[in-house]
Amino acid sequence: MNIQTKKLLLQFDEYDYYEFPKNFDEKDIESRARKVFSEILTIESEIYFEDWVHNQDASFGLAIILKKYQKTEGQNIYQPTILFSNFGNLVTFTMKESLPEKLINKILNALKTNKFKYIDDNELDSPYDGSMQGNETFQTWWDRYFEWL
């Protein structure tokens, strides 16, 4: 994992806070995430916004589904998804390799404009070694910030 990414992840790793950090501002993050959604909607129409009801008991609460680029393998459906962590304005997205470069650039610009910090999902697959190290809930940094608990 990149040292700068590690510093960023550690910065928001609050001991004993699983789903939400201290001083969590739900309205602010949702407002900015909806702005990202609106910006992406200018070039991509087949997208959906998932709010708090869809992602309960998780370290993330909001998501944007990019349905047009979904893949089906047997009975399984995989959808590229932008995930908004409840911690530190961190954001990642899955299946980036299946998205056109123009869309990736639009997503990254919209995230930056709305004060989110993008973390590549490949870096999040690193073993968790933060403030709650040894806690079986978190095996990787992905689990810490972008997973149902």
N, C-alpha and C. Protein backbone atom coordinates (compact mmCIF):
# COMPACT_ATOMS: atom_id res chain seq x y z
N MET A 1 0.84 -1.17 0.00
CA MET A 1 0.00 0.00 0.00
C MET A 1 0.89 1.25 0.00
N ASN A 2 0.48 2.23 -0.77
CA ASN A 2 1.16 3.51 -0.84
C ASN A 2 1.20 4.16 0.55
N ILE A 3 2.31 4.74 0.93
CA ILE A 3 2.48 5.34 2.26
C ILE A 3 1.49 6.49 2.48
N GLN A 4 1.23 7.30 1.47
CA GLN A 4 0.28 8.40 1.61
C GLN A 4 -1.14 7.87 1.85
N THR A 5 -1.48 6.80 1.15
CA THR A 5 -2.80 6.18 1.35
C THR A 5 -2.91 5.66 2.78
N LYS A 6 -1.86 5.00 3.25
CA LYS A 6 -1.86 4.45 4.61
C LYS A 6 -2.05 5.56 5.65
N LYS A 7 -1.35 6.67 5.47
CA LYS A 7 -1.49 7.81 6.39
C LYS A 7 -2.92 8.33 6.40
N LEU A 8 -3.50 8.41 5.22
CA LEU A 8 -4.87 8.89 5.11
C LEU A 8 -5.85 7.94 5.81
N LEU A 9 -5.69 6.66 5.60
CA LEU A 9 -6.58 5.67 6.22
C LEU A 9 -6.43 5.69 7.74
N LEU A 10 -5.21 5.80 8.22
CA LEU A 10 -4.97 5.85 9.67
C LEU A 10 -5.55 7.12 10.30
N GLN A 11 -5.53 8.19 9.56
CA GLN A 11 -6.01 9.48 10.06
C GLN A 11 -7.47 9.42 10.51
N PHE A 12 -8.28 8.59 9.86
CA PHE A 12 -9.72 8.54 10.16
C PHE A 12 -10.14 7.28 10.91
N ASP A 13 -9.19 6.50 11.35
CA ASP A 13 -9.46 5.24 12.02
C ASP A 13 -9.65 5.47 13.52
N GLU A 14 -10.89 5.70 13.91
CA GLU A 14 -11.20 6.03 15.31
C GLU A 14 -11.48 4.76 16.11
N TYR A 15 -10.73 4.59 17.17
CA TYR A 15 -10.86 3.42 18.02
C TYR A 15 -12.28 3.32 18.59
N ASP A 16 -12.86 2.13 18.48
CA ASP A 16 -14.18 1.80 19.03
C ASP A 16 -15.35 2.43 18.28
N TYR A 17 -15.10 3.03 17.13
CA TYR A 17 -16.17 3.55 16.28
C TYR A 17 -16.22 2.67 15.03
N TYR A 18 -17.29 1.90 14.91
CA TYR A 18 -17.40 0.92 13.84
C TYR A 18 -18.13 1.46 12.61
N GLU A 19 -19.36 1.94 12.81
CA GLU A 19 -20.18 2.37 11.68
C GLU A 19 -20.04 3.85 11.36
N PHE A 20 -19.93 4.68 12.40
CA PHE A 20 -19.89 6.13 12.22
C PHE A 20 -18.81 6.72 13.12
N PRO A 21 -18.12 7.74 12.63
CA PRO A 21 -17.13 8.42 13.48
C PRO A 21 -17.82 9.40 14.43
N LYS A 22 -17.06 9.89 15.40
CA LYS A 22 -17.56 10.98 16.24
C LYS A 22 -17.89 12.15 15.33
N ASN A 23 -18.86 12.93 15.72
CA ASN A 23 -19.22 14.15 14.99
C ASN A 23 -19.60 13.90 13.53
N PHE A 24 -20.24 12.78 13.27
CA PHE A 24 -20.65 12.44 11.91
C PHE A 24 -21.76 13.37 11.44
N ASP A 25 -21.61 13.92 10.24
CA ASP A 25 -22.59 14.84 9.67
C ASP A 25 -23.26 14.18 8.46
N GLU A 26 -24.32 13.44 8.75
CA GLU A 26 -25.04 12.67 7.73
C GLU A 26 -25.58 13.56 6.61
N LYS A 27 -26.14 14.70 6.95
CA LYS A 27 -26.74 15.58 5.94
C LYS A 27 -25.69 16.13 4.98
N ASP A 28 -24.55 16.50 5.51
CA ASP A 28 -23.49 17.06 4.68
C ASP A 28 -22.98 16.04 3.67
N ILE A 29 -22.65 14.84 4.14
CA ILE A 29 -22.10 13.84 3.23
C ILE A 29 -23.14 13.45 2.18
N GLU A 30 -24.41 13.33 2.58
CA GLU A 30 -25.43 12.96 1.59
C GLU A 30 -25.63 14.07 0.56
N SER A 31 -25.61 15.30 0.99
CA SER A 31 -25.76 16.42 0.06
C SER A 31 -24.64 16.41 -0.99
N ARG A 32 -23.42 16.23 -0.53
CA ARG A 32 -22.28 16.21 -1.46
C ARG A 32 -22.29 14.97 -2.35
N ALA A 33 -22.69 13.83 -1.81
CA ALA A 33 -22.78 12.60 -2.61
C ALA A 33 -23.84 12.74 -3.69
N ARG A 34 -24.94 13.39 -3.36
CA ARG A 34 -25.99 13.62 -4.37
C ARG A 34 -25.51 14.58 -5.46
N LYS A 35 -24.62 15.51 -5.12
CA LYS A 35 -24.03 16.39 -6.14
C LYS A 35 -23.15 15.57 -7.09
N VAL A 36 -22.39 14.63 -6.52
CA VAL A 36 -21.58 13.73 -7.36
C VAL A 36 -22.50 12.96 -8.31
N PHE A 37 -23.58 12.42 -7.76
CA PHE A 37 -24.57 11.69 -8.55
C PHE A 37 -25.08 12.56 -9.71
N SER A 38 -25.45 13.80 -9.42
CA SER A 38 -25.97 14.71 -10.45
C SER A 38 -24.93 14.98 -11.53
N GLU A 39 -23.68 15.14 -11.13
CA GLU A 39 -22.63 15.39 -12.12
C GLU A 39 -22.40 14.19 -13.02
N ILE A 40 -22.44 13.00 -12.46
CA ILE A 40 -22.27 11.79 -13.27
C ILE A 40 -23.46 11.61 -14.20
N LEU A 41 -24.64 11.98 -13.72
CA LEU A 41 -25.87 11.86 -14.50
C LEU A 41 -25.83 12.69 -15.78
N THR A 42 -24.94 13.68 -15.86
CA THR A 42 -24.85 14.50 -17.07
C THR A 42 -24.27 13.71 -18.25
N ILE A 43 -23.55 12.61 -17.97
CA ILE A 43 -23.01 11.81 -19.07
C ILE A 43 -23.45 10.35 -19.02
N GLU A 44 -24.11 9.95 -17.96
CA GLU A 44 -24.50 8.54 -17.80
C GLU A 44 -25.89 8.48 -17.18
N SER A 45 -26.86 7.89 -17.88
CA SER A 45 -28.25 7.92 -17.40
C SER A 45 -28.66 6.71 -16.58
N GLU A 46 -28.00 5.61 -16.76
CA GLU A 46 -28.43 4.37 -16.09
C GLU A 46 -27.66 4.19 -14.77
N ILE A 47 -27.91 5.13 -13.85
CA ILE A 47 -27.27 5.08 -12.53
C ILE A 47 -28.33 5.26 -11.46
N TYR A 48 -28.04 4.74 -10.26
CA TYR A 48 -28.99 4.79 -9.16
C TYR A 48 -28.28 5.21 -7.88
N PHE A 49 -28.98 6.00 -7.07
CA PHE A 49 -28.43 6.45 -5.80
C PHE A 49 -29.05 5.62 -4.68
N GLU A 50 -28.19 4.99 -3.87
CA GLU A 50 -28.66 4.25 -2.69
C GLU A 50 -28.36 5.07 -1.45
N ASP A 51 -29.40 5.31 -0.64
CA ASP A 51 -29.20 6.10 0.56
C ASP A 51 -29.04 5.19 1.78
N TRP A 52 -29.17 5.77 2.95
CA TRP A 52 -28.89 5.11 4.22
C TRP A 52 -29.74 3.86 4.45
N VAL A 53 -30.94 3.83 3.92
CA VAL A 53 -31.84 2.70 4.13
C VAL A 53 -31.26 1.43 3.50
N HIS A 54 -30.55 1.57 2.39
CA HIS A 54 -30.01 0.42 1.66
C HIS A 54 -28.73 -0.14 2.29
N ASN A 55 -28.04 0.67 3.06
CA ASN A 55 -26.71 0.28 3.54
C ASN A 55 -26.59 0.47 5.05
N GLN A 56 -27.40 -0.25 5.78
CA GLN A 56 -27.38 -0.17 7.23
C GLN A 56 -26.35 -1.16 7.79
N ASP A 57 -25.92 -0.92 9.02
CA ASP A 57 -24.95 -1.78 9.69
C ASP A 57 -23.68 -1.92 8.86
N ALA A 58 -23.19 -0.78 8.40
CA ALA A 58 -22.02 -0.77 7.54
C ALA A 58 -21.14 0.44 7.86
N SER A 59 -19.89 0.38 7.41
CA SER A 59 -18.99 1.51 7.59
C SER A 59 -19.10 2.49 6.41
N PHE A 60 -20.02 2.21 5.49
CA PHE A 60 -20.38 3.16 4.43
C PHE A 60 -21.90 3.26 4.45
N GLY A 61 -22.42 4.36 3.94
CA GLY A 61 -23.86 4.52 4.01
C GLY A 61 -24.53 4.86 2.70
N LEU A 62 -23.76 5.37 1.76
CA LEU A 62 -24.31 5.81 0.49
C LEU A 62 -23.56 5.14 -0.65
N ALA A 63 -24.26 4.95 -1.76
CA ALA A 63 -23.62 4.31 -2.92
C ALA A 63 -24.29 4.79 -4.20
N ILE A 64 -23.52 4.80 -5.26
CA ILE A 64 -24.05 5.06 -6.60
C ILE A 64 -23.78 3.82 -7.43
N ILE A 65 -24.85 3.25 -7.97
CA ILE A 65 -24.77 2.03 -8.77
C ILE A 65 -24.71 2.41 -10.26
N LEU A 66 -23.73 1.87 -10.97
CA LEU A 66 -23.56 2.13 -12.40
C LEU A 66 -24.08 0.90 -13.16
N LYS A 67 -25.39 0.79 -13.22
CA LYS A 67 -26.06 -0.42 -13.71
C LYS A 67 -25.71 -0.78 -15.16
N LYS A 68 -25.52 0.19 -15.99
CA LYS A 68 -25.24 -0.06 -17.40
C LYS A 68 -24.03 -0.98 -17.61
N TYR A 69 -23.09 -0.95 -16.68
CA TYR A 69 -21.84 -1.69 -16.85
C TYR A 69 -21.80 -2.97 -16.02
N GLN A 70 -22.95 -3.43 -15.59
CA GLN A 70 -22.99 -4.64 -14.77
C GLN A 70 -22.58 -5.87 -15.59
N LYS A 71 -22.08 -6.85 -14.88
CA LYS A 71 -21.67 -8.13 -15.49
C LYS A 71 -22.48 -9.24 -14.84
N THR A 72 -22.82 -10.24 -15.62
CA THR A 72 -23.56 -11.39 -15.11
C THR A 72 -22.72 -12.64 -15.31
N GLU A 73 -22.58 -13.40 -14.24
CA GLU A 73 -21.89 -14.69 -14.29
C GLU A 73 -22.81 -15.71 -13.65
N GLY A 74 -23.42 -16.54 -14.48
CA GLY A 74 -24.41 -17.48 -13.96
C GLY A 74 -25.57 -16.71 -13.38
N GLN A 75 -25.89 -16.97 -12.12
CA GLN A 75 -26.99 -16.26 -11.47
C GLN A 75 -26.51 -15.02 -10.71
N ASN A 76 -25.22 -14.76 -10.73
CA ASN A 76 -24.66 -13.62 -10.01
C ASN A 76 -24.60 -12.38 -10.89
N ILE A 77 -24.97 -11.24 -10.33
CA ILE A 77 -24.90 -9.96 -11.02
C ILE A 77 -23.91 -9.09 -10.26
N TYR A 78 -22.93 -8.53 -10.98
CA TYR A 78 -21.92 -7.66 -10.39
C TYR A 78 -22.09 -6.27 -10.99
N GLN A 79 -22.25 -5.27 -10.13
CA GLN A 79 -22.47 -3.91 -10.60
C GLN A 79 -21.36 -2.99 -10.10
N PRO A 80 -20.77 -2.22 -11.02
CA PRO A 80 -19.81 -1.22 -10.57
C PRO A 80 -20.52 -0.26 -9.61
N THR A 81 -19.87 0.03 -8.50
CA THR A 81 -20.50 0.83 -7.46
C THR A 81 -19.51 1.82 -6.86
N ILE A 82 -19.97 3.05 -6.68
CA ILE A 82 -19.20 4.07 -5.97
C ILE A 82 -19.69 4.02 -4.53
N LEU A 83 -18.77 3.81 -3.60
CA LEU A 83 -19.12 3.67 -2.18
C LEU A 83 -18.57 4.85 -1.39
N PHE A 84 -19.43 5.45 -0.58
CA PHE A 84 -19.06 6.60 0.26
C PHE A 84 -18.93 6.12 1.70
N SER A 85 -17.71 6.08 2.20
CA SER A 85 -17.48 5.68 3.58
C SER A 85 -18.07 6.71 4.53
N ASN A 86 -18.44 6.27 5.71
CA ASN A 86 -18.91 7.19 6.74
C ASN A 86 -17.74 7.90 7.42
N PHE A 87 -16.53 7.52 7.08
CA PHE A 87 -15.33 8.05 7.72
C PHE A 87 -14.51 8.89 6.74
N GLY A 88 -14.15 10.08 7.16
CA GLY A 88 -13.13 10.88 6.48
C GLY A 88 -13.38 11.29 5.05
N ASN A 89 -14.62 11.27 4.60
CA ASN A 89 -14.93 11.62 3.20
C ASN A 89 -14.23 10.69 2.21
N LEU A 90 -13.97 9.46 2.64
CA LEU A 90 -13.30 8.48 1.78
C LEU A 90 -14.31 7.85 0.83
N VAL A 91 -13.86 7.64 -0.41
CA VAL A 91 -14.70 7.04 -1.44
C VAL A 91 -13.85 6.08 -2.27
N THR A 92 -14.48 5.00 -2.69
CA THR A 92 -13.85 4.09 -3.64
C THR A 92 -14.90 3.63 -4.62
N PHE A 93 -14.48 2.95 -5.67
CA PHE A 93 -15.47 2.29 -6.52
C PHE A 93 -14.93 0.98 -7.06
N THR A 94 -15.88 0.09 -7.31
CA THR A 94 -15.57 -1.27 -7.73
C THR A 94 -15.66 -1.38 -9.25
N MET A 95 -15.01 -2.38 -9.78
CA MET A 95 -15.07 -2.74 -11.20
C MET A 95 -14.66 -1.59 -12.12
N LYS A 96 -13.70 -0.79 -11.67
CA LYS A 96 -13.24 0.36 -12.45
C LYS A 96 -12.80 -0.06 -13.86
N GLU A 97 -12.23 -1.25 -13.95
CA GLU A 97 -11.72 -1.71 -15.25
C GLU A 97 -12.84 -1.91 -16.29
N SER A 98 -14.08 -2.00 -15.86
CA SER A 98 -15.19 -2.20 -16.79
C SER A 98 -15.82 -0.89 -17.24
N LEU A 99 -15.29 0.24 -16.77
CA LEU A 99 -15.87 1.54 -17.09
C LEU A 99 -15.04 2.27 -18.14
N PRO A 100 -15.70 3.04 -19.01
CA PRO A 100 -14.95 3.84 -19.98
C PRO A 100 -14.14 4.94 -19.29
N GLU A 101 -13.02 5.29 -19.87
CA GLU A 101 -12.12 6.27 -19.28
C GLU A 101 -12.81 7.62 -19.06
N LYS A 102 -13.66 8.03 -19.98
CA LYS A 102 -14.38 9.30 -19.84
C LYS A 102 -15.24 9.31 -18.58
N LEU A 103 -15.88 8.19 -18.29
CA LEU A 103 -16.72 8.09 -17.10
C LEU A 103 -15.87 8.08 -15.83
N ILE A 104 -14.76 7.35 -15.86
CA ILE A 104 -13.85 7.33 -14.70
C ILE A 104 -13.38 8.74 -14.38
N ASN A 105 -12.96 9.48 -15.41
CA ASN A 105 -12.50 10.85 -15.21
C ASN A 105 -13.60 11.74 -14.65
N LYS A 106 -14.82 11.57 -15.15
CA LYS A 106 -15.96 12.35 -14.65
C LYS A 106 -16.20 12.05 -13.17
N ILE A 107 -16.15 10.78 -12.81
CA ILE A 107 -16.35 10.37 -11.41
C ILE A 107 -15.27 10.98 -10.52
N LEU A 108 -14.02 10.83 -10.92
CA LEU A 108 -12.91 11.34 -10.11
C LEU A 108 -12.96 12.86 -9.95
N ASN A 109 -13.31 13.56 -11.02
CA ASN A 109 -13.44 15.02 -10.94
C ASN A 109 -14.60 15.42 -10.04
N ALA A 110 -15.72 14.73 -10.16
CA ALA A 110 -16.89 15.04 -9.32
C ALA A 110 -16.58 14.78 -7.85
N LEU A 111 -15.85 13.72 -7.57
CA LEU A 111 -15.47 13.43 -6.18
C LEU A 111 -14.59 14.54 -5.62
N LYS A 112 -13.59 14.92 -6.39
CA LYS A 112 -12.66 15.95 -5.94
C LYS A 112 -13.38 17.29 -5.74
N THR A 113 -14.21 17.67 -6.68
CA THR A 113 -14.97 18.92 -6.60
C THR A 113 -15.83 18.97 -5.34
N ASN A 114 -16.33 17.82 -4.93
CA ASN A 114 -17.22 17.75 -3.77
C ASN A 114 -16.51 17.31 -2.50
N LYS A 115 -15.20 17.46 -2.50
CA LYS A 115 -14.36 17.27 -1.31
C LYS A 115 -14.33 15.84 -0.76
N PHE A 116 -14.39 14.87 -1.68
CA PHE A 116 -14.21 13.49 -1.28
C PHE A 116 -12.79 13.07 -1.61
N LYS A 117 -12.29 12.07 -0.89
CA LYS A 117 -10.94 11.55 -1.09
C LYS A 117 -11.04 10.15 -1.68
N TYR A 118 -10.63 10.02 -2.92
CA TYR A 118 -10.70 8.72 -3.61
C TYR A 118 -9.55 7.82 -3.17
N ILE A 119 -9.91 6.57 -2.86
CA ILE A 119 -8.93 5.53 -2.54
C ILE A 119 -9.14 4.38 -3.52
N ASP A 120 -8.09 3.99 -4.22
CA ASP A 120 -8.19 2.87 -5.16
C ASP A 120 -8.54 1.59 -4.42
N ASP A 121 -9.51 0.85 -4.92
CA ASP A 121 -9.97 -0.36 -4.22
C ASP A 121 -8.87 -1.40 -4.07
N ASN A 122 -7.90 -1.43 -4.97
CA ASN A 122 -6.80 -2.40 -4.85
C ASN A 122 -5.94 -2.14 -3.60
N GLU A 123 -5.79 -0.88 -3.23
CA GLU A 123 -5.01 -0.56 -2.03
C GLU A 123 -5.76 -0.97 -0.76
N LEU A 124 -7.08 -0.94 -0.82
CA LEU A 124 -7.89 -1.28 0.35
C LEU A 124 -7.86 -2.76 0.68
N ASP A 125 -7.38 -3.56 -0.23
CA ASP A 125 -7.31 -5.01 -0.03
C ASP A 125 -6.11 -5.40 0.86
N SER A 126 -5.44 -4.43 1.41
CA SER A 126 -4.29 -4.67 2.29
C SER A 126 -4.76 -5.04 3.70
N PRO A 127 -3.97 -5.84 4.40
CA PRO A 127 -4.35 -6.23 5.77
C PRO A 127 -4.56 -5.01 6.67
N TYR A 128 -5.60 -5.07 7.47
CA TYR A 128 -5.92 -3.99 8.40
C TYR A 128 -4.93 -4.02 9.56
N ASP A 129 -4.30 -2.88 9.83
CA ASP A 129 -3.36 -2.77 10.94
C ASP A 129 -3.52 -1.43 11.64
N GLY A 130 -4.79 -1.05 11.82
CA GLY A 130 -5.10 0.24 12.43
C GLY A 130 -5.34 0.16 13.92
N SER A 131 -6.11 1.10 14.43
CA SER A 131 -6.31 1.27 15.87
C SER A 131 -7.03 0.11 16.54
N MET A 132 -7.75 -0.69 15.77
CA MET A 132 -8.44 -1.85 16.34
C MET A 132 -7.84 -3.15 15.82
N GLN A 133 -6.55 -3.13 15.58
CA GLN A 133 -5.84 -4.31 15.10
C GLN A 133 -6.09 -5.47 16.06
N GLY A 134 -6.34 -6.63 15.51
CA GLY A 134 -6.64 -7.80 16.32
C GLY A 134 -8.14 -8.03 16.46
N ASN A 135 -8.93 -7.04 16.09
CA ASN A 135 -10.38 -7.16 16.09
C ASN A 135 -10.79 -7.95 14.86
N GLU A 136 -11.50 -9.04 15.05
CA GLU A 136 -11.86 -9.92 13.92
C GLU A 136 -12.81 -9.28 12.92
N THR A 137 -13.42 -8.16 13.28
CA THR A 137 -14.34 -7.47 12.37
C THR A 137 -13.61 -6.96 11.13
N PHE A 138 -12.37 -6.53 11.31
CA PHE A 138 -11.63 -5.91 10.22
C PHE A 138 -10.43 -6.76 9.81
N GLN A 139 -10.55 -7.41 8.68
CA GLN A 139 -9.42 -8.17 8.14
C GLN A 139 -8.58 -7.32 7.19
N THR A 140 -9.25 -6.42 6.46
CA THR A 140 -8.58 -5.54 5.50
C THR A 140 -9.05 -4.10 5.71
N TRP A 141 -8.37 -3.18 5.05
CA TRP A 141 -8.79 -1.79 5.11
C TRP A 141 -10.12 -1.61 4.39
N TRP A 142 -10.42 -2.45 3.42
CA TRP A 142 -11.74 -2.43 2.77
C TRP A 142 -12.82 -2.68 3.83
N ASP A 143 -12.61 -3.69 4.66
CA ASP A 143 -13.57 -4.01 5.72
C ASP A 143 -13.78 -2.81 6.65
N ARG A 144 -12.72 -2.09 6.93
CA ARG A 144 -12.79 -0.98 7.88
C ARG A 144 -13.68 0.15 7.37
N TYR A 145 -13.60 0.47 6.10
CA TYR A 145 -14.27 1.66 5.60
C TYR A 145 -15.38 1.42 4.57
N PHE A 146 -15.48 0.23 4.00
CA PHE A 146 -16.43 0.03 2.90
C PHE A 146 -17.18 -1.30 2.94
N GLU A 147 -17.50 -1.78 4.12
CA GLU A 147 -18.11 -3.11 4.22
C GLU A 147 -19.26 -3.11 5.22
N TRP A 148 -20.19 -4.05 5.03
CA TRP A 148 -21.22 -4.29 6.01
C TRP A 148 -20.55 -4.98 7.20
N LEU A 149 -21.00 -4.65 8.40
CA LEU A 149 -20.35 -5.17 9.59
C LEU A 149 -21.19 -6.25 10.26
